[in-house]
PDB file of N, CA and C in Angstrom:
ATOM      1  N   MET A   1      21.410 -12.689   3.979  1.00  0.00           N
ATOM      2  CA  MET A   1      20.648 -13.582   4.576  1.00  0.00           C
ATOM      3  C   MET A   1      20.790 -15.199   3.352  1.00  0.00           C
ATOM      4  N   THR A   2      20.748 -16.419   3.813  1.00  0.00           N
ATOM      5  CA  THR A   2      20.426 -16.710   2.644  1.00  0.00           C
ATOM      6  C   THR A   2      19.142 -17.973   3.510  1.00  0.00           C
ATOM      7  N   ILE A   3      18.999 -17.710   1.895  1.00  0.00           N
ATOM      8  CA  ILE A   3      16.974 -18.687   2.824  1.00  0.00           C
ATOM      9  C   ILE A   3      17.053 -20.341   2.085  1.00  0.00           C
ATOM     10  N   ALA A   4      16.924 -21.168   2.999  1.00  0.00           N
ATOM     11  CA  ALA A   4      15.679 -22.309   1.743  1.00  0.00           C
ATOM     12  C   ALA A   4      14.883 -22.995   2.247  1.00  0.00           C
ATOM     13  N   ILE A   5      14.045 -23.727   0.996  1.00  0.00           N
ATOM     14  CA  ILE A   5      12.844 -23.523   1.964  1.00  0.00           C
ATOM     15  C   ILE A   5      12.656 -25.287   1.328  1.00  0.00           C
ATOM     16  N   THR A   6      12.024 -25.878   1.603  1.00  0.00           N
ATOM     17  CA  THR A   6      11.620 -26.918   2.163  1.00  0.00           C
ATOM     18  C   THR A   6      10.324 -27.508   2.043  1.00  0.00           C
ATOM     19  N   ARG A   7      10.051 -28.047   1.299  1.00  0.00           N
ATOM     20  CA  ARG A   7       8.418 -29.152   1.175  1.00  0.00           C
ATOM     21  C   ARG A   7       8.174 -30.116   1.677  1.00  0.00           C
ATOM     22  N   GLU A   8       6.920 -30.668   2.672  1.00  0.00           N
ATOM     23  CA  GLU A   8       7.257 -31.488   3.232  1.00  0.00           C
ATOM     24  C   GLU A   8       4.985 -32.033   3.556  1.00  0.00           C
ATOM     25  N   GLU A   9       5.011 -33.400   2.592  1.00  0.00           N
ATOM     26  CA  GLU A   9       3.233 -33.596   2.759  1.00  0.00           C
ATOM     27  C   GLU A   9       3.380 -34.343   3.164  1.00  0.00           C
ATOM     28  N   THR A  10       1.884 -34.249   3.384  1.00  0.00           N
ATOM     29  CA  THR A  10       1.394 -34.869   4.566  1.00  0.00           C
ATOM     30  C   THR A  10       0.157 -35.222   4.300  1.00  0.00           C
ATOM     31  N   ALA A  11      -0.495 -36.482   5.095  1.00  0.00           N
ATOM     32  CA  ALA A  11      -2.519 -36.943   4.483  1.00  0.00           C
ATOM     33  C   ALA A  11      -2.809 -35.708   4.505  1.00  0.00           C
ATOM     34  N   GLY A  12      -3.584 -34.643   2.989  1.00  0.00           N
ATOM     35  CA  GLY A  12      -4.632 -33.660   2.651  1.00  0.00           C
ATOM     36  C   GLY A  12      -3.677 -32.644   2.481  1.00  0.00           C
ATOM     37  N   GLY A  13      -2.604 -32.415   2.678  1.00  0.00           N
ATOM     38  CA  GLY A  13      -2.058 -31.519   2.883  1.00  0.00           C
ATOM     39  C   GLY A  13      -0.099 -31.284   2.533  1.00  0.00           C
ATOM     40  N   GLY A  14       0.122 -30.139   3.387  1.00  0.00           N
ATOM     41  CA  GLY A  14       1.354 -30.096   3.368  1.00  0.00           C
ATOM     42  C   GLY A  14       1.985 -28.838   4.149  1.00  0.00           C
ATOM     43  N   ARG A  15       2.995 -28.886   4.102  1.00  0.00           N
ATOM     44  CA  ARG A  15       4.073 -26.907   3.976  1.00  0.00           C
ATOM     45  C   ARG A  15       4.810 -27.090   3.430  1.00  0.00           C
ATOM     46  N   TYR A  16       5.086 -25.690   3.542  1.00  0.00           N
ATOM     47  CA  TYR A  16       6.599 -24.883   3.212  1.00  0.00           C
ATOM     48  C   TYR A  16       7.320 -24.534   4.740  1.00  0.00           C
ATOM     49  N   ALA A  17       8.395 -24.547   4.379  1.00  0.00           N
ATOM     50  CA  ALA A  17       9.542 -24.381   5.723  1.00  0.00           C
ATOM     51  C   ALA A  17      10.195 -23.256   5.338  1.00  0.00           C
ATOM     52  N   ALA A  18      10.680 -22.108   5.989  1.00  0.00           N
ATOM     53  CA  ALA A  18      11.675 -22.004   5.408  1.00  0.00           C
ATOM     54  C   ALA A  18      12.638 -21.337   6.527  1.00  0.00           C
ATOM     55  N   GLU A  19      14.151 -21.696   6.163  1.00  0.00           N
ATOM     56  CA  GLU A  19      14.758 -21.677   7.165  1.00  0.00           C
ATOM     57  C   GLU A  19      15.836 -20.255   6.476  1.00  0.00           C
ATOM     58  N   ALA A  20      16.743 -19.220   7.194  1.00  0.00           N
ATOM     59  CA  ALA A  20      17.282 -18.532   6.939  1.00  0.00           C
ATOM     60  C   ALA A  20      18.787 -18.442   8.373  1.00  0.00           C
ATOM     61  N   ASP A  21      19.631 -18.345   7.049  1.00  0.00           N
ATOM     62  CA  ASP A  21      20.978 -18.676   7.743  1.00  0.00           C
ATOM     63  C   ASP A  21      21.434 -20.025   8.731  1.00  0.00           C
ATOM     64  N   GLY A  22      19.959 -21.011   8.471  1.00  0.00           N
ATOM     65  CA  GLY A  22      20.087 -22.519   9.309  1.00  0.00           C
ATOM     66  C   GLY A  22      18.589 -22.191  10.950  1.00  0.00           C
ATOM     67  N   ARG A  23      18.100 -21.135  10.576  1.00  0.00           N
ATOM     68  CA  ARG A  23      17.122 -21.078  11.596  1.00  0.00           C
ATOM     69  C   ARG A  23      15.946 -21.072  11.118  1.00  0.00           C
ATOM     70  N   PRO A  24      14.597 -21.172  11.596  1.00  0.00           N
ATOM     71  CA  PRO A  24      12.977 -21.677  11.214  1.00  0.00           C
ATOM     72  C   PRO A  24      13.135 -19.688  10.725  1.00  0.00           C
ATOM     73  N   ALA A  25      12.633 -19.296   9.850  1.00  0.00           N
ATOM     74  CA  ALA A  25      12.300 -18.099   9.278  1.00  0.00           C
ATOM     75  C   ALA A  25      10.613 -17.813   8.987  1.00  0.00           C
ATOM     76  N   GLY A  26      10.076 -18.829   8.417  1.00  0.00           N
ATOM     77  CA  GLY A  26       8.347 -18.987   8.413  1.00  0.00           C
ATOM     78  C   GLY A  26       8.360 -19.917   7.927  1.00  0.00           C
ATOM     79  N   VAL A  27       6.609 -20.596   8.001  1.00  0.00           N
ATOM     80  CA  VAL A  27       5.827 -21.756   6.913  1.00  0.00           C
ATOM     81  C   VAL A  27       5.274 -21.146   6.496  1.00  0.00           C
ATOM     82  N   MET A  28       4.126 -22.325   5.451  1.00  0.00           N
ATOM     83  CA  MET A  28       3.671 -21.629   4.966  1.00  0.00           C
ATOM     84  C   MET A  28       2.620 -22.847   4.405  1.00  0.00           C
ATOM     85  N   THR A  29       1.151 -22.979   5.198  1.00  0.00           N
ATOM     86  CA  THR A  29       0.872 -24.530   4.618  1.00  0.00           C
ATOM     87  C   THR A  29      -0.528 -24.495   4.251  1.00  0.00           C
ATOM     88  N   TYR A  30      -0.772 -25.612   3.557  1.00  0.00           N
ATOM     89  CA  TYR A  30      -1.780 -26.052   2.437  1.00  0.00           C
ATOM     90  C   TYR A  30      -2.439 -27.405   3.112  1.00  0.00           C
ATOM     91  N   GLN A  31      -4.025 -27.437   2.297  1.00  0.00           N
ATOM     92  CA  GLN A  31      -4.505 -28.285   1.944  1.00  0.00           C
ATOM     93  C   GLN A  31      -4.678 -28.762   0.724  1.00  0.00           C
ATOM     94  N   ARG A  32      -4.851 -30.130   0.994  1.00  0.00           N
ATOM     95  CA  ARG A  32      -4.913 -30.946  -0.917  1.00  0.00           C
ATOM     96  C   ARG A  32      -6.323 -31.302  -0.972  1.00  0.00           C
ATOM     97  N   PRO A  33      -7.500 -30.326  -0.971  1.00  0.00           N
ATOM     98  CA  PRO A  33      -8.390 -31.243  -1.306  1.00  0.00           C
ATOM     99  C   PRO A  33      -8.881 -31.944  -2.475  1.00  0.00           C
ATOM    100  N   GLU A  34      -8.235 -31.989  -3.551  1.00  0.00           N
ATOM    101  CA  GLU A  34      -8.245 -33.005  -4.260  1.00  0.00           C
ATOM    102  C   GLU A  34      -7.460 -32.958  -5.435  1.00  0.00           C
ATOM    103  N   GLU A  35      -7.106 -34.276  -5.930  1.00  0.00           N
ATOM    104  CA  GLU A  35      -6.194 -34.571  -6.915  1.00  0.00           C
ATOM    105  C   GLU A  35      -5.496 -32.783  -7.734  1.00  0.00           C
ATOM    106  N   GLY A  36      -4.719 -32.631  -8.135  1.00  0.00           N
ATOM    107  CA  GLY A  36      -4.362 -31.361  -8.359  1.00  0.00           C
ATOM    108  C   GLY A  36      -4.282 -29.770  -8.753  1.00  0.00           C
ATOM    109  N   ARG A  37      -4.944 -29.814  -7.029  1.00  0.00           N
ATOM    110  CA  ARG A  37      -4.784 -28.474  -6.721  1.00  0.00           C
ATOM    111  C   ARG A  37      -4.512 -28.398  -4.685  1.00  0.00           C
ATOM    112  N   ILE A  38      -4.006 -27.400  -4.440  1.00  0.00           N
ATOM    113  CA  ILE A  38      -3.509 -27.371  -2.933  1.00  0.00           C
ATOM    114  C   ILE A  38      -4.836 -26.085  -2.639  1.00  0.00           C
ATOM    115  N   VAL A  39      -4.673 -25.411  -1.246  1.00  0.00           N
ATOM    116  CA  VAL A  39      -5.217 -24.112  -0.908  1.00  0.00           C
ATOM    117  C   VAL A  39      -4.204 -23.566  -0.081  1.00  0.00           C
ATOM    118  N   ILE A  40      -3.368 -22.671  -0.312  1.00  0.00           N
ATOM    119  CA  ILE A  40      -3.329 -22.417   0.982  1.00  0.00           C
ATOM    120  C   ILE A  40      -3.544 -21.299   1.577  1.00  0.00           C
ATOM    121  N   ASP A  41      -3.570 -22.234   3.104  1.00  0.00           N
ATOM    122  CA  ASP A  41      -4.600 -21.929   3.925  1.00  0.00           C
ATOM    123  C   ASP A  41      -3.497 -20.914   4.981  1.00  0.00           C
ATOM    124  N   HIS A  42      -2.503 -20.845   5.206  1.00  0.00           N
ATOM    125  CA  HIS A  42      -1.872 -19.840   6.459  1.00  0.00           C
ATOM    126  C   HIS A  42      -0.070 -19.947   5.785  1.00  0.00           C
ATOM    127  N   THR A  43       0.337 -18.169   5.742  1.00  0.00           N
ATOM    128  CA  THR A  43       1.229 -17.846   5.985  1.00  0.00           C
ATOM    129  C   THR A  43       1.989 -17.220   6.874  1.00  0.00           C
ATOM    130  N   LYS A  44       2.885 -17.636   7.704  1.00  0.00           N
ATOM    131  CA  LYS A  44       3.733 -16.902   9.038  1.00  0.00           C
ATOM    132  C   LYS A  44       4.688 -16.756   8.751  1.00  0.00           C
ATOM    133  N   VAL A  45       5.682 -15.545   9.051  1.00  0.00           N
ATOM    134  CA  VAL A  45       7.289 -15.703   8.862  1.00  0.00           C
ATOM    135  C   VAL A  45       7.032 -14.957  10.243  1.00  0.00           C
ATOM    136  N   GLU A  46       8.654 -15.362  11.357  1.00  0.00           N
ATOM    137  CA  GLU A  46       8.978 -14.897  11.671  1.00  0.00           C
ATOM    138  C   GLU A  46       9.414 -13.546  12.344  1.00  0.00           C
ATOM    139  N   SER A  47       9.076 -12.847  13.083  1.00  0.00           N
ATOM    140  CA  SER A  47       8.986 -11.671  13.551  1.00  0.00           C
ATOM    141  C   SER A  47      10.516 -11.081  13.286  1.00  0.00           C
ATOM    142  N   GLU A  48      11.444 -11.582  13.526  1.00  0.00           N
ATOM    143  CA  GLU A  48      13.234 -11.300  13.096  1.00  0.00           C
ATOM    144  C   GLU A  48      13.517 -11.280  11.713  1.00  0.00           C
ATOM    145  N   CYS A  49      12.675 -12.027  11.022  1.00  0.00           N
ATOM    146  CA  CYS A  49      12.117 -12.190   9.425  1.00  0.00           C
ATOM    147  C   CYS A  49      11.766 -11.124   8.525  1.00  0.00           C
ATOM    148  N   SER A  50      10.747 -10.832   9.744  1.00  0.00           N
ATOM    149  CA  SER A  50       9.971  -9.867   8.588  1.00  0.00           C
ATOM    150  C   SER A  50      10.144  -8.743   7.773  1.00  0.00           C
ATOM    151  N   GLY A  51       9.477  -7.970   6.345  1.00  0.00           N
ATOM    152  CA  GLY A  51      10.164  -7.112   5.580  1.00  0.00           C
ATOM    153  C   GLY A  51      11.799  -8.048   5.602  1.00  0.00           C
ATOM    154  N   GLN A  52      11.877  -9.098   4.757  1.00  0.00           N
ATOM    155  CA  GLN A  52      13.012  -9.711   4.221  1.00  0.00           C
ATOM    156  C   GLN A  52      12.680 -10.611   2.776  1.00  0.00           C
ATOM    157  N   GLY A  53      11.082 -10.569   2.832  1.00  0.00           N
ATOM    158  CA  GLY A  53      10.827 -11.358   1.317  1.00  0.00           C
ATOM    159  C   GLY A  53      10.712 -13.540   1.293  1.00  0.00           C
ATOM    160  N   VAL A  54      10.476 -13.123   3.250  1.00  0.00           N
ATOM    161  CA  VAL A  54      10.426 -14.668   3.186  1.00  0.00           C
ATOM    162  C   VAL A  54       9.140 -15.788   2.820  1.00  0.00           C
ATOM    163  N   GLY A  55       8.578 -14.650   2.806  1.00  0.00           N
ATOM    164  CA  GLY A  55       6.704 -14.774   2.778  1.00  0.00           C
ATOM    165  C   GLY A  55       6.455 -14.967   0.855  1.00  0.00           C
ATOM    166  N   ALA A  56       7.133 -14.575   0.503  1.00  0.00           N
ATOM    167  CA  ALA A  56       7.588 -14.438  -1.145  1.00  0.00           C
ATOM    168  C   ALA A  56       8.091 -15.128  -1.284  1.00  0.00           C
ATOM    169  N   ARG A  57       9.060 -15.036  -0.287  1.00  0.00           N
ATOM    170  CA  ARG A  57       9.599 -16.803  -1.267  1.00  0.00           C
ATOM    171  C   ARG A  57       9.245 -17.880  -1.569  1.00  0.00           C
ATOM    172  N   LEU A  58       8.321 -18.400  -0.073  1.00  0.00           N
ATOM    173  CA  LEU A  58       7.257 -19.357   0.617  1.00  0.00           C
ATOM    174  C   LEU A  58       5.963 -19.270  -0.861  1.00  0.00           C
ATOM    175  N   VAL A  59       5.768 -18.402  -0.854  1.00  0.00           N
ATOM    176  CA  VAL A  59       4.312 -18.661  -1.863  1.00  0.00           C
ATOM    177  C   VAL A  59       5.023 -18.653  -3.850  1.00  0.00           C
ATOM    178  N   ALA A  60       6.842 -18.165  -3.765  1.00  0.00           N
ATOM    179  CA  ALA A  60       7.413 -18.593  -4.814  1.00  0.00           C
ATOM    180  C   ALA A  60       7.657 -19.521  -5.293  1.00  0.00           C
ATOM    181  N   ARG A  61       7.835 -20.619  -4.294  1.00  0.00           N
ATOM    182  CA  ARG A  61       8.448 -21.790  -4.094  1.00  0.00           C
ATOM    183  C   ARG A  61       6.500 -22.555  -4.872  1.00  0.00           C
ATOM    184  N   ALA A  62       5.874 -22.520  -4.255  1.00  0.00           N
ATOM    185  CA  ALA A  62       4.843 -22.950  -4.431  1.00  0.00           C
ATOM    186  C   ALA A  62       4.357 -23.023  -5.486  1.00  0.00           C
ATOM    187  N   ILE A  63       4.970 -21.673  -6.526  1.00  0.00           N
ATOM    188  CA  ILE A  63       4.098 -21.540  -8.248  1.00  0.00           C
ATOM    189  C   ILE A  63       5.137 -22.124  -8.856  1.00  0.00           C
ATOM    190  N   ASP A  64       6.504 -22.746  -8.554  1.00  0.00           N
ATOM    191  CA  ASP A  64       7.019 -22.922  -9.172  1.00  0.00           C
ATOM    192  C   ASP A  64       7.267 -24.460  -9.151  1.00  0.00           C
ATOM    193  N   ASP A  65       6.555 -25.337  -7.946  1.00  0.00           N
ATOM    194  CA  ASP A  65       5.994 -26.048  -7.642  1.00  0.00           C
ATOM    195  C   ASP A  65       5.263 -26.368  -8.098  1.00  0.00           C
ATOM    196  N   ALA A  66       4.022 -25.398  -8.302  1.00  0.00           N
ATOM    197  CA  ALA A  66       3.063 -26.128  -9.851  1.00  0.00           C
ATOM    198  C   ALA A  66       2.949 -26.175 -11.108  1.00  0.00           C
ATOM    199  N   ARG A  67       3.549 -25.169 -11.210  1.00  0.00           N
ATOM    200  CA  ARG A  67       4.060 -25.452 -12.530  1.00  0.00           C
ATOM    201  C   ARG A  67       4.892 -26.231 -13.071  1.00  0.00           C
ATOM    202  N   ALA A  68       5.830 -27.349 -12.044  1.00  0.00           N
ATOM    203  CA  ALA A  68       7.262 -28.125 -12.496  1.00  0.00           C
ATOM    204  C   ALA A  68       5.413 -29.189 -12.166  1.00  0.00           C
ATOM    205  N   GLU A  69       4.970 -29.789 -11.164  1.00  0.00           N
ATOM    206  CA  GLU A  69       3.948 -31.107 -10.864  1.00  0.00           C
ATOM    207  C   GLU A  69       2.705 -30.643 -11.710  1.00  0.00           C
ATOM    208  N   GLY A  70       2.675 -29.138 -12.162  1.00  0.00           N
ATOM    209  CA  GLY A  70       0.995 -29.597 -12.991  1.00  0.00           C
ATOM    210  C   GLY A  70      -0.363 -28.749 -12.374  1.00  0.00           C
ATOM    211  N   PHE A  71      -0.060 -28.725 -11.472  1.00  0.00           N
ATOM    212  CA  PHE A  71      -1.051 -28.856 -10.307  1.00  0.00           C
ATOM    213  C   PHE A  71      -1.291 -26.975 -10.055  1.00  0.00           C
ATOM    214  N   ARG A  72      -2.634 -26.644  -9.226  1.00  0.00           N
ATOM    215  CA  ARG A  72      -3.280 -25.232  -9.463  1.00  0.00           C
ATOM    216  C   ARG A  72      -2.873 -24.554  -8.080  1.00  0.00           C
ATOM    217  N   ILE A  73      -3.275 -23.771  -7.925  1.00  0.00           N
ATOM    218  CA  ILE A  73      -3.314 -23.458  -6.296  1.00  0.00           C
ATOM    219  C   ILE A  73      -4.852 -21.977  -6.392  1.00  0.00           C
ATOM    220  N   THR A  74      -5.352 -22.649  -5.528  1.00  0.00           N
ATOM    221  CA  THR A  74      -6.272 -21.255  -4.368  1.00  0.00           C
ATOM    222  C   THR A  74      -5.401 -20.860  -3.569  1.00  0.00           C
ATOM    223  N   PRO A  75      -5.777 -19.552  -3.119  1.00  0.00           N
ATOM    224  CA  PRO A  75      -5.297 -19.179  -2.124  1.00  0.00           C
ATOM    225  C   PRO A  75      -5.998 -18.528  -1.194  1.00  0.00           C
ATOM    226  N   VAL A  76      -5.944 -19.026   0.084  1.00  0.00           N
ATOM    227  CA  VAL A  76      -7.121 -17.833   0.581  1.00  0.00           C
ATOM    228  C   VAL A  76      -6.365 -17.115   1.960  1.00  0.00           C
ATOM    229  N   CYS A  77      -5.269 -17.352   2.362  1.00  0.00           N
ATOM    230  CA  CYS A  77      -4.971 -16.675   3.806  1.00  0.00           C
ATOM    231  C   CYS A  77      -4.575 -15.425   2.749  1.00  0.00           C
ATOM    232  N   SER A  78      -4.552 -14.549   3.782  1.00  0.00           N
ATOM    233  CA  SER A  78      -4.229 -13.080   3.195  1.00  0.00           C
ATOM    234  C   SER A  78      -2.935 -12.383   2.717  1.00  0.00           C
ATOM    235  N   TYR A  79      -2.355 -13.108   2.660  1.00  0.00           N
ATOM    236  CA  TYR A  79      -0.951 -13.199   2.621  1.00  0.00           C
ATOM    237  C   TYR A  79      -0.961 -13.684   0.536  1.00  0.00           C
ATOM    238  N   ALA A  80      -1.569 -15.055   0.897  1.00  0.00           N
ATOM    239  CA  ALA A  80      -1.509 -15.269  -0.291  1.00  0.00           C
ATOM    240  C   ALA A  80      -2.205 -14.833  -1.938  1.00  0.00           C
ATOM    241  N   VAL A  81      -2.734 -13.925  -1.102  1.00  0.00           N
ATOM    242  CA  VAL A  81      -4.321 -13.444  -2.155  1.00  0.00           C
ATOM    243  C   VAL A  81      -3.137 -12.526  -2.147  1.00  0.00           C
ATOM    244  N   ARG A  82      -3.188 -11.246  -1.786  1.00  0.00           N
ATOM    245  CA  ARG A  82      -2.085 -10.700  -1.978  1.00  0.00           C
ATOM    246  C   ARG A  82      -1.483 -10.675  -2.818  1.00  0.00           C
ATOM    247  N   TYR A  83      -0.213 -11.840  -2.634  1.00  0.00           N
ATOM    248  CA  TYR A  83       1.230 -11.956  -3.729  1.00  0.00           C
ATOM    249  C   TYR A  83       0.502 -11.989  -4.922  1.00  0.00           C
ATOM    250  N   PHE A  84      -0.618 -13.089  -4.747  1.00  0.00           N
ATOM    251  CA  PHE A  84      -1.247 -12.683  -6.557  1.00  0.00           C
ATOM    252  C   PHE A  84      -1.703 -11.773  -6.692  1.00  0.00           C
ATOM    253  N   GLU A  85      -2.350 -10.970  -6.069  1.00  0.00           N
ATOM    254  CA  GLU A  85      -2.932  -9.846  -6.553  1.00  0.00           C
ATOM    255  C   GLU A  85      -1.569  -8.795  -6.961  1.00  0.00           C
ATOM    256  N   LYS A  86      -1.128  -8.863  -7.014  1.00  0.00           N
ATOM    257  CA  LYS A  86       0.424  -8.165  -7.117  1.00  0.00           C
ATOM    258  C   LYS A  86       1.571  -8.921  -7.703  1.00  0.00           C
ATOM    259  N   HIS A  87       1.144 -10.025  -8.035  1.00  0.00           N
ATOM    260  CA  HIS A  87       2.093 -10.726  -9.293  1.00  0.00           C
ATOM    261  C   HIS A  87       1.525 -11.402 -10.198  1.00  0.00           C
ATOM    262  N   PRO A  88       0.578 -10.497 -11.573  1.00  0.00           N
ATOM    263  CA  PRO A  88      -0.181 -11.084 -12.028  1.00  0.00           C
ATOM    264  C   PRO A  88       0.378 -11.973 -13.246  1.00  0.00           C
ATOM    265  N   GLU A  89       1.457 -12.423 -13.359  1.00  0.00           N
ATOM    266  CA  GLU A  89       2.512 -13.063 -14.417  1.00  0.00           C
ATOM    267  C   GLU A  89       2.372 -14.761 -13.369  1.00  0.00           C
ATOM    268  N   ALA A  90       1.456 -14.814 -12.507  1.00  0.00           N
ATOM    269  CA  ALA A  90       1.366 -15.898 -11.832  1.00  0.00           C
ATOM    270  C   ALA A  90       0.081 -16.625 -11.841  1.00  0.00           C
ATOM    271  N   ALA A  91      -0.501 -16.013 -11.989  1.00  0.00           N
ATOM    272  CA  ALA A  91      -2.069 -16.407 -12.277  1.00  0.00           C
ATOM    273  C   ALA A  91      -2.538 -17.269 -12.867  1.00  0.00           C
ATOM    274  N   ASP A  92      -1.451 -18.098 -14.352  1.00  0.00           N
ATOM    275  CA  ASP A  92      -1.085 -19.475 -14.795  1.00  0.00           C
ATOM    276  C   ASP A  92      -1.674 -20.384 -13.779  1.00  0.00           C
ATOM    277  N   VAL A  93      -1.354 -20.569 -12.953  1.00  0.00           N
ATOM    278  CA  VAL A  93      -1.557 -20.789 -11.436  1.00  0.00           C
ATOM    279  C   VAL A  93      -2.233 -20.985 -10.390  1.00  0.00           C
ATOM    280  N   LEU A  94      -3.136 -20.514 -10.562  1.00  0.00           N
ATOM    281  CA  LEU A  94      -4.043 -20.300  -9.609  1.00  0.00           C
ATOM    282  C   LEU A  94      -5.549 -20.823 -10.308  1.00  0.00           C
ATOM    283  N   ALA A  95      -6.886 -21.624  -9.901  1.00  0.00           N
ATOM    284  CA  ALA A  95      -7.185 -22.929  -9.659  1.00  0.00           C
ATOM    285  C   ALA A  95      -7.984 -22.016 -10.107  1.00  0.00           C
ATOM    286  N   LYS A  96      -9.094 -22.325 -11.131  1.00  0.00           N
ATOM    287  CA  LYS A  96     -10.649 -21.555 -11.994  1.00  0.00           C
ATOM    288  C   LYS A  96     -11.454 -22.098 -11.313  1.00  0.00           C
ATOM    289  N   GLU A  97     -12.461 -20.560 -11.201  1.00  0.00           N
ATOM    290  CA  GLU A  97     -13.580 -21.018  -9.415  1.00  0.00           C
ATOM    291  C   GLU A  97     -14.393 -22.083 -10.659  1.00  0.00           C
ATOM    292  N   SER A  98     -15.210 -22.780  -9.944  1.00  0.00           N
ATOM    293  CA  SER A  98     -16.527 -23.790 -10.306  1.00  0.00           C
ATOM    294  C   SER A  98     -17.660 -22.727 -10.507  1.00  0.00           C
ATOM    295  N   PRO A  99     -18.690 -22.566 -11.881  1.00  0.00           N
ATOM    296  CA  PRO A  99     -19.387 -22.501 -11.971  1.00  0.00           C
ATOM    297  C   PRO A  99     -20.345 -22.238 -11.018  1.00  0.00           C
ATOM    298  N   GLY A 100     -21.337 -21.802 -10.440  1.00  0.00           N
ATOM    299  CA  GLY A 100     -22.018 -21.836  -9.593  1.00  0.00           C
ATOM    300  C   GLY A 100     -21.886 -22.064  -8.454  1.00  0.00           C
TER     301      GLY A 100
END
């Protein structure tokens, strides 16, 4: 299976979309509450692509973009939170929590 991921910016956020062999495979949406940070708020993988790494590829692409473009990520959807827990090497792009 060949997976292609695209990114589309919208007003105040955006989305990453995955296609597997030319068909929709999954989507991950995010909000941009401020310059330099995105909040991953939803990840969905099509049932026929479940268990094939589509969700992981979506989050990994956001991590690659964060490193290349210098923004930070706050994961709030359960999938993205678990991804960061399982991949401590990605902690460099996590947004630091504000004190208080």
